[in-house]
N, C-alpha and C. Protein backbone atom coordinates (compact mmCIF):
# COMPACT_ATOMS: atom_id res chain seq x y z
N MET A 1 26.67 49.49 65.12
CA MET A 1 27.09 51.01 64.58
C MET A 1 27.95 50.87 63.28
N ASN A 2 28.78 49.55 63.08
CA ASN A 2 29.47 49.60 61.79
C ASN A 2 28.95 49.53 60.92
N ARG A 3 27.66 48.73 61.11
CA ARG A 3 26.70 48.86 59.72
C ARG A 3 26.23 50.04 58.99
N PHE A 4 26.09 51.21 60.39
CA PHE A 4 25.63 52.55 59.83
C PHE A 4 27.00 53.24 58.94
N LYS A 5 28.36 53.25 59.88
CA LYS A 5 29.55 53.30 59.48
C LYS A 5 29.74 52.65 57.88
N SER A 6 29.61 51.94 57.38
CA SER A 6 30.00 51.00 56.38
C SER A 6 28.84 51.83 55.10
N LEU A 7 27.59 52.07 55.90
CA LEU A 7 26.65 52.34 54.66
C LEU A 7 26.63 53.82 54.33
N SER A 8 27.23 54.63 55.52
CA SER A 8 27.48 55.75 55.23
C SER A 8 28.78 55.96 54.26
N VAL A 9 29.81 55.12 54.32
CA VAL A 9 30.93 55.34 53.25
C VAL A 9 30.43 54.94 52.12
N VAL A 10 29.86 53.83 51.73
CA VAL A 10 28.85 53.25 50.52
C VAL A 10 28.74 54.54 49.79
N LEU A 11 27.34 55.35 50.66
CA LEU A 11 26.93 56.02 50.14
C LEU A 11 27.33 57.24 49.64
N PHE A 12 28.35 57.87 50.26
CA PHE A 12 29.53 58.65 49.83
C PHE A 12 29.85 58.51 48.81
N ALA A 13 30.81 57.35 48.79
CA ALA A 13 31.61 56.97 47.38
C ALA A 13 30.42 56.78 46.28
N ALA A 14 29.24 56.52 46.56
CA ALA A 14 28.20 56.50 45.32
C ALA A 14 28.01 58.33 45.29
N ALA A 15 27.50 58.88 46.10
CA ALA A 15 27.32 60.15 45.79
C ALA A 15 28.86 60.77 44.90
N LEU A 16 30.06 60.82 45.42
CA LEU A 16 31.13 61.04 44.82
C LEU A 16 31.06 60.40 43.20
N ALA A 17 30.87 59.15 43.25
CA ALA A 17 31.02 58.85 41.69
C ALA A 17 29.77 59.50 41.10
N GLY A 18 28.56 59.76 41.39
CA GLY A 18 27.40 60.45 40.50
C GLY A 18 27.99 62.22 40.10
N VAL A 19 28.47 62.53 41.43
CA VAL A 19 29.26 63.76 40.76
C VAL A 19 30.41 63.53 39.60
N VAL A 20 31.48 62.85 39.87
CA VAL A 20 32.21 62.61 39.03
C VAL A 20 31.64 62.36 37.53
N ILE A 21 30.73 61.37 37.77
CA ILE A 21 30.19 60.94 36.42
C ILE A 21 29.16 62.24 35.60
N SER A 22 28.72 62.66 36.41
CA SER A 22 27.94 63.83 35.86
C SER A 22 29.20 65.24 35.22
N CYS A 23 30.36 65.48 35.83
CA CYS A 23 31.35 66.35 35.80
C CYS A 23 31.77 65.69 33.97
N ASP A 24 32.02 64.31 34.17
CA ASP A 24 32.33 63.95 32.72
C ASP A 24 31.58 64.14 31.57
N LYS A 25 30.35 63.94 32.17
CA LYS A 25 29.10 64.08 31.01
C LYS A 25 29.27 65.67 30.63
N ASP A 26 29.70 66.39 31.49
CA ASP A 26 29.78 68.05 30.52
C ASP A 26 30.78 67.77 30.06
N ASN A 27 31.96 67.23 30.18
CA ASN A 27 33.28 67.55 29.06
C ASN A 27 32.83 66.91 27.92
N GLU A 28 31.90 65.86 27.76
CA GLU A 28 31.63 64.73 26.68
C GLU A 28 30.45 65.78 25.84
N ASN A 29 30.20 67.16 26.12
CA ASN A 29 29.52 68.07 25.30
C ASN A 29 29.95 68.86 24.31
N PRO A 30 30.06 68.10 23.13
CA PRO A 30 30.64 68.81 21.83
C PRO A 30 30.37 70.24 21.93
N LYS A 31 29.18 70.77 21.73
CA LYS A 31 29.33 72.11 21.75
C LYS A 31 29.68 73.39 22.44
N ALA A 32 29.77 72.42 23.77
CA ALA A 32 30.50 73.07 24.67
C ALA A 32 32.12 73.52 24.88
N GLU A 33 32.40 72.01 24.20
CA GLU A 33 33.91 71.75 23.98
C GLU A 33 34.35 72.79 22.75
N GLY A 34 33.33 72.77 21.64
CA GLY A 34 33.72 73.75 20.69
C GLY A 34 33.91 75.02 20.96
N LYS A 35 32.99 75.43 21.82
CA LYS A 35 32.68 76.71 22.24
C LYS A 35 34.44 77.43 23.05
N LYS A 36 34.57 76.20 24.21
CA LYS A 36 35.55 76.27 24.74
C LYS A 36 37.12 76.83 23.86
N ALA A 37 36.96 75.57 23.11
CA ALA A 37 38.35 75.86 21.83
C ALA A 37 38.44 77.01 21.51
N GLY A 38 37.37 77.29 20.52
CA GLY A 38 37.22 78.57 20.18
C GLY A 38 37.67 79.91 20.70
N THR A 39 37.02 79.76 22.01
CA THR A 39 37.37 81.12 22.93
C THR A 39 38.90 81.08 23.26
N LYS A 40 39.38 79.70 23.55
CA LYS A 40 40.85 79.62 23.66
C LYS A 40 41.74 80.34 22.33
N MET A 41 41.30 79.83 21.23
CA MET A 41 41.99 80.33 19.85
C MET A 41 41.80 81.90 19.87
N CYS A 42 40.78 82.21 20.24
CA CYS A 42 40.59 84.20 20.50
C CYS A 42 41.50 84.67 21.45
N ASP A 43 41.53 83.92 22.46
CA ASP A 43 42.42 84.57 23.84
C ASP A 43 43.53 84.54 23.00
N CYS A 44 43.84 83.58 22.86
CA CYS A 44 45.69 83.16 21.96
C CYS A 44 46.14 84.40 21.15
N VAL A 45 44.95 84.28 20.08
CA VAL A 45 44.82 85.35 18.85
C VAL A 45 45.13 87.04 19.62
N ALA A 46 44.18 87.30 20.63
CA ALA A 46 44.30 88.59 21.43
C ALA A 46 45.72 88.59 22.35
N SER A 47 46.46 87.75 22.28
CA SER A 47 47.71 87.81 23.02
C SER A 47 48.76 88.46 22.70
N TYR A 48 48.85 88.44 21.20
CA TYR A 48 49.46 89.03 20.21
C TYR A 48 49.27 90.38 19.70
N PRO A 49 50.36 91.39 20.18
CA PRO A 49 49.79 92.71 19.60
C PRO A 49 50.04 92.75 18.13
N ALA A 50 49.24 93.03 17.01
CA ALA A 50 49.32 93.02 15.92
C ALA A 50 50.42 94.36 15.65
N PRO A 51 50.94 94.06 14.34
CA PRO A 51 52.08 95.16 13.66
C PRO A 51 50.99 96.34 13.40
N THR A 52 52.12 97.23 13.85
CA THR A 52 51.02 98.96 13.45
C THR A 52 51.43 99.62 12.04
N ASP A 53 52.54 98.86 11.36
CA ASP A 53 53.03 99.58 10.24
C ASP A 53 52.84 98.26 8.90
N PRO A 54 52.07 98.43 8.07
CA PRO A 54 51.64 97.22 7.33
C PRO A 54 52.51 97.14 6.64
N THR A 55 53.74 97.85 6.30
CA THR A 55 54.82 97.89 5.16
C THR A 55 55.81 96.64 5.71
N ASP A 56 55.67 96.80 7.21
CA ASP A 56 56.91 96.18 7.56
C ASP A 56 56.62 94.82 7.85
N GLN A 57 57.31 93.82 6.65
CA GLN A 57 56.93 92.78 6.78
C GLN A 57 57.36 91.84 7.68
N ALA A 58 58.89 92.08 8.24
CA ALA A 58 59.50 91.70 9.40
C ALA A 58 58.43 91.19 10.68
N ALA A 59 57.69 92.41 10.77
CA ALA A 59 56.73 92.73 11.85
C ALA A 59 55.79 91.51 12.11
N PHE A 60 55.48 91.95 10.45
CA PHE A 60 54.40 91.10 9.86
C PHE A 60 54.48 89.73 9.96
N MET A 61 55.74 89.16 9.77
CA MET A 61 55.82 88.07 9.21
C MET A 61 56.07 87.29 10.94
N GLU A 62 56.50 88.04 12.01
CA GLU A 62 56.79 87.66 13.33
C GLU A 62 55.54 87.21 14.21
N TYR A 63 54.31 88.57 13.66
CA TYR A 63 52.93 88.19 13.58
C TYR A 63 52.17 87.11 13.27
N ALA A 64 52.63 86.82 12.28
CA ALA A 64 51.53 85.63 11.51
C ALA A 64 52.37 84.19 12.56
N GLY A 65 53.81 84.18 12.41
CA GLY A 65 54.19 82.98 13.39
C GLY A 65 53.54 82.98 14.49
N GLN A 66 53.27 84.34 15.65
CA GLN A 66 52.78 84.00 16.74
C GLN A 66 51.55 83.41 16.46
N LEU A 67 50.87 84.16 15.62
CA LEU A 67 49.21 83.29 15.37
C LEU A 67 49.13 82.23 14.85
N TYR A 68 50.12 81.50 14.14
CA TYR A 68 50.36 80.41 13.60
C TYR A 68 50.41 79.45 15.12
N ASN A 69 50.69 80.06 15.77
CA ASN A 69 50.86 79.02 17.07
C ASN A 69 49.64 78.65 17.78
N CYS A 70 48.62 79.81 17.48
CA CYS A 70 47.29 79.29 18.04
C CYS A 70 46.83 78.33 17.25
N LEU A 71 47.08 77.92 16.31
CA LEU A 71 46.26 76.62 16.14
C LEU A 71 46.41 75.24 16.78
N GLY A 72 47.77 75.74 17.54
CA GLY A 72 47.73 74.44 18.53
C GLY A 72 46.86 74.38 19.39
N GLU A 73 45.92 75.37 19.69
CA GLU A 73 44.67 75.39 20.64
C GLU A 73 44.05 74.68 20.19
N ILE A 74 43.73 74.10 19.29
CA ILE A 74 42.75 72.88 19.10
C ILE A 74 43.11 71.60 19.07
N ALA A 75 44.43 71.41 19.17
CA ALA A 75 45.41 70.00 19.45
C ALA A 75 44.37 68.82 20.46
N PRO A 76 43.89 69.81 21.63
CA PRO A 76 43.28 68.97 22.28
C PRO A 76 42.11 68.27 22.30
N TYR A 77 41.08 68.64 21.20
CA TYR A 77 39.94 68.75 20.79
C TYR A 77 40.25 67.75 19.14
N SER A 78 40.73 66.99 19.00
CA SER A 78 41.25 66.51 18.02
C SER A 78 40.39 65.48 17.42
N GLU A 79 39.68 65.05 18.49
CA GLU A 79 38.28 64.03 17.86
C GLU A 79 37.36 64.77 17.48
N TYR A 80 37.28 65.90 17.38
CA TYR A 80 36.32 66.89 16.90
C TYR A 80 36.73 67.70 15.43
N ILE A 81 38.06 68.14 15.18
CA ILE A 81 38.40 69.26 14.80
C ILE A 81 40.18 68.73 14.20
N GLY A 82 40.09 68.89 12.81
CA GLY A 82 41.64 68.94 12.42
C GLY A 82 41.95 70.14 11.43
N LEU A 83 42.98 70.18 11.01
CA LEU A 83 43.60 71.11 9.65
C LEU A 83 43.15 70.35 8.78
N ALA A 84 42.31 71.26 7.72
CA ALA A 84 41.86 70.72 6.64
C ALA A 84 42.96 70.32 5.34
N GLY A 85 44.03 70.79 5.62
CA GLY A 85 45.34 70.40 4.83
C GLY A 85 46.55 70.56 5.66
N THR A 86 47.30 70.47 4.63
CA THR A 86 49.18 70.84 5.70
C THR A 86 49.70 72.47 5.35
N GLN A 87 50.72 72.40 6.23
CA GLN A 87 51.31 74.01 5.99
C GLN A 87 51.61 74.05 4.31
N ASP A 88 52.22 73.02 3.83
CA ASP A 88 52.47 73.29 2.49
C ASP A 88 51.19 73.70 1.38
N THR A 89 50.12 72.79 1.90
CA THR A 89 48.75 73.37 0.89
C THR A 89 47.79 74.23 1.46
N GLY A 90 48.82 75.12 2.52
CA GLY A 90 47.81 76.49 3.27
C GLY A 90 46.74 75.99 3.89
N TYR A 91 46.96 74.50 4.46
CA TYR A 91 46.01 74.38 5.51
C TYR A 91 44.49 74.17 4.84
N GLY A 92 44.16 74.06 3.69
CA GLY A 92 43.29 74.04 2.85
C GLY A 92 42.17 75.33 2.63
N TYR A 93 43.22 76.63 2.83
CA TYR A 93 42.71 77.76 3.06
C TYR A 93 41.85 77.87 1.45
N ASP A 94 40.67 78.22 1.71
CA ASP A 94 39.55 78.66 0.56
C ASP A 94 38.98 79.98 0.54
N PRO A 95 40.08 81.01 -0.04
CA PRO A 95 39.87 82.18 -0.03
C PRO A 95 37.96 82.87 -0.82
N THR A 96 37.61 81.57 -1.67
CA THR A 96 36.14 82.01 -1.92
C THR A 96 35.05 81.35 -1.18
N ALA A 97 35.74 80.76 0.07
CA ALA A 97 34.23 80.32 0.73
C ALA A 97 33.76 81.25 1.59
N GLU A 98 32.50 80.46 1.69
CA GLU A 98 31.62 81.54 2.29
C GLU A 98 32.36 82.58 3.92
N ASN A 99 32.93 81.54 4.49
CA ASN A 99 33.91 82.08 5.81
C ASN A 99 35.08 81.45 5.43
N PRO A 100 36.30 82.30 4.71
CA PRO A 100 37.97 81.53 4.46
C PRO A 100 38.24 81.02 5.89
N LEU A 101 37.97 81.72 7.14
CA LEU A 101 38.65 81.26 8.25
C LEU A 101 38.44 79.82 8.57
N TYR A 102 36.87 79.33 8.16
CA TYR A 102 36.61 77.94 8.72
C TYR A 102 37.27 76.87 7.76
N SER A 103 37.53 77.64 6.34
CA SER A 103 37.62 76.47 5.62
C SER A 103 39.38 75.67 6.04
N ILE A 104 39.93 76.37 6.88
CA ILE A 104 40.99 75.39 6.98
C ILE A 104 41.11 74.25 8.39
N PHE A 105 39.42 74.51 8.61
CA PHE A 105 39.57 73.12 9.49
C PHE A 105 38.62 72.25 9.05
N ASP A 106 38.68 70.95 9.36
CA ASP A 106 38.11 70.26 9.38
C ASP A 106 37.03 69.27 10.45
N PHE A 107 35.96 69.82 10.25
CA PHE A 107 34.96 69.74 11.46
C PHE A 107 34.93 68.06 11.41
N LYS A 108 34.54 67.73 12.58
CA LYS A 108 34.06 65.89 12.60
C LYS A 108 32.75 66.05 13.19
N ASN A 109 32.36 66.82 13.72
CA ASN A 109 31.19 67.24 14.54
C ASN A 109 30.34 68.25 14.42
N LYS A 110 29.15 68.12 14.10
CA LYS A 110 28.58 69.49 13.74
C LYS A 110 28.09 70.32 14.85
N ASP A 111 27.81 69.54 15.93
CA ASP A 111 27.75 70.22 17.30
C ASP A 111 29.01 71.06 17.81
N PHE A 112 29.85 70.06 17.32
CA PHE A 112 31.72 70.82 18.05
C PHE A 112 31.54 71.99 16.94
N GLU A 113 31.46 72.07 15.97
CA GLU A 113 31.66 72.99 14.81
C GLU A 113 30.53 74.38 15.09
N GLN A 114 29.50 73.94 15.66
CA GLN A 114 28.83 75.16 16.23
C GLN A 114 28.95 75.73 17.26
N GLY A 115 29.47 75.29 17.99
CA GLY A 115 30.21 75.61 19.41
C GLY A 115 31.43 76.73 19.32
N PHE A 116 32.62 75.91 18.45
CA PHE A 116 33.70 76.49 17.81
C PHE A 116 33.53 77.84 17.48
N LYS A 117 32.64 77.72 16.35
CA LYS A 117 32.02 79.42 15.29
C LYS A 117 31.61 80.35 16.37
N GLU A 118 30.84 79.90 17.46
CA GLU A 118 30.57 80.70 18.83
C GLU A 118 31.62 81.22 19.33
N GLY A 119 32.25 80.56 19.57
CA GLY A 119 33.61 80.79 20.16
C GLY A 119 34.62 81.35 19.92
N THR A 120 34.58 81.44 18.83
CA THR A 120 35.32 82.40 17.47
C THR A 120 35.01 83.57 17.07
N SER A 121 33.47 83.87 17.47
CA SER A 121 33.13 85.13 16.73
C SER A 121 33.80 86.72 17.10
N ASP A 122 34.49 86.18 18.23
CA ASP A 122 35.05 87.62 18.71
C ASP A 122 36.17 87.95 17.82
N CYS A 123 36.91 86.69 17.60
CA CYS A 123 38.58 86.99 16.87
C CYS A 123 38.21 86.54 15.40
N MET A 124 37.06 86.09 14.92
CA MET A 124 37.31 85.74 13.39
C MET A 124 37.74 86.92 12.45
N GLN A 125 37.45 87.90 12.53
CA GLN A 125 38.32 89.09 11.60
C GLN A 125 39.28 89.00 11.49
N THR A 126 40.23 88.78 12.80
CA THR A 126 41.57 89.02 12.72
C THR A 126 42.24 88.05 12.04
N PHE A 127 41.76 86.89 12.56
CA PHE A 127 42.20 85.54 12.11
C PHE A 127 42.08 85.11 10.75
N SER A 128 41.06 85.75 10.15
CA SER A 128 40.65 85.41 8.78
C SER A 128 41.62 86.00 8.00
N ALA A 129 41.79 87.52 8.16
CA ALA A 129 42.67 88.43 7.68
C ALA A 129 44.32 87.86 7.57
N LEU A 130 44.45 87.15 8.87
CA LEU A 130 45.96 86.66 8.76
C LEU A 130 45.75 85.44 7.24
N PHE A 131 45.07 84.70 7.37
CA PHE A 131 45.21 83.52 6.23
C PHE A 131 44.91 84.21 4.79
N ALA A 132 44.08 85.12 5.03
CA ALA A 132 43.90 86.10 3.39
C ALA A 132 45.08 86.63 3.04
N LEU A 133 45.91 86.81 4.22
CA LEU A 133 47.40 87.59 3.76
C LEU A 133 48.38 86.30 3.09
N LEU A 134 48.13 85.43 4.47
CA LEU A 134 49.10 84.00 4.08
C LEU A 134 48.52 83.39 2.89
N GLY A 135 47.64 83.45 2.42
CA GLY A 135 47.02 82.48 1.47
C GLY A 135 47.90 82.86 -0.02
N GLY A 136 48.18 84.25 0.04
CA GLY A 136 48.74 84.37 -1.41
C GLY A 136 50.38 83.87 -1.36
N GLN A 137 50.87 83.34 -0.40
CA GLN A 137 52.09 82.84 -0.28
C GLN A 137 52.43 81.52 -0.53
N TYR A 138 51.43 80.85 -0.75
CA TYR A 138 51.30 79.29 -0.52
C TYR A 138 51.20 78.67 -2.20
């Protein structure tokens, strides 16, 4: 009877290890990670109400500061993405790029980049407009 008990424990441990390994492989999917990072960034952007008066510089600067914090959403994904520049250089912002939003990012993996762009498709215009306005200040 002890043999069967030991065998069942070993089989259970092997099955559990298989589940853990398969879950870890899901986390190693760069495209899925990119989409998750992009979605988190959009959720962050959406969590702050935009100023309603475009002439209220103080409200706009507060909003810009809040959205700046959204860049922190990419920190856990640093093996796949970083910022193309520094705050002093406007993070590499290029207003002439095909899509200026993405010019501030340094993508290190094409699959992650594709997923990230899918994940940010909902908030791209808001975030891009912010950097277009901030671009003139650097």
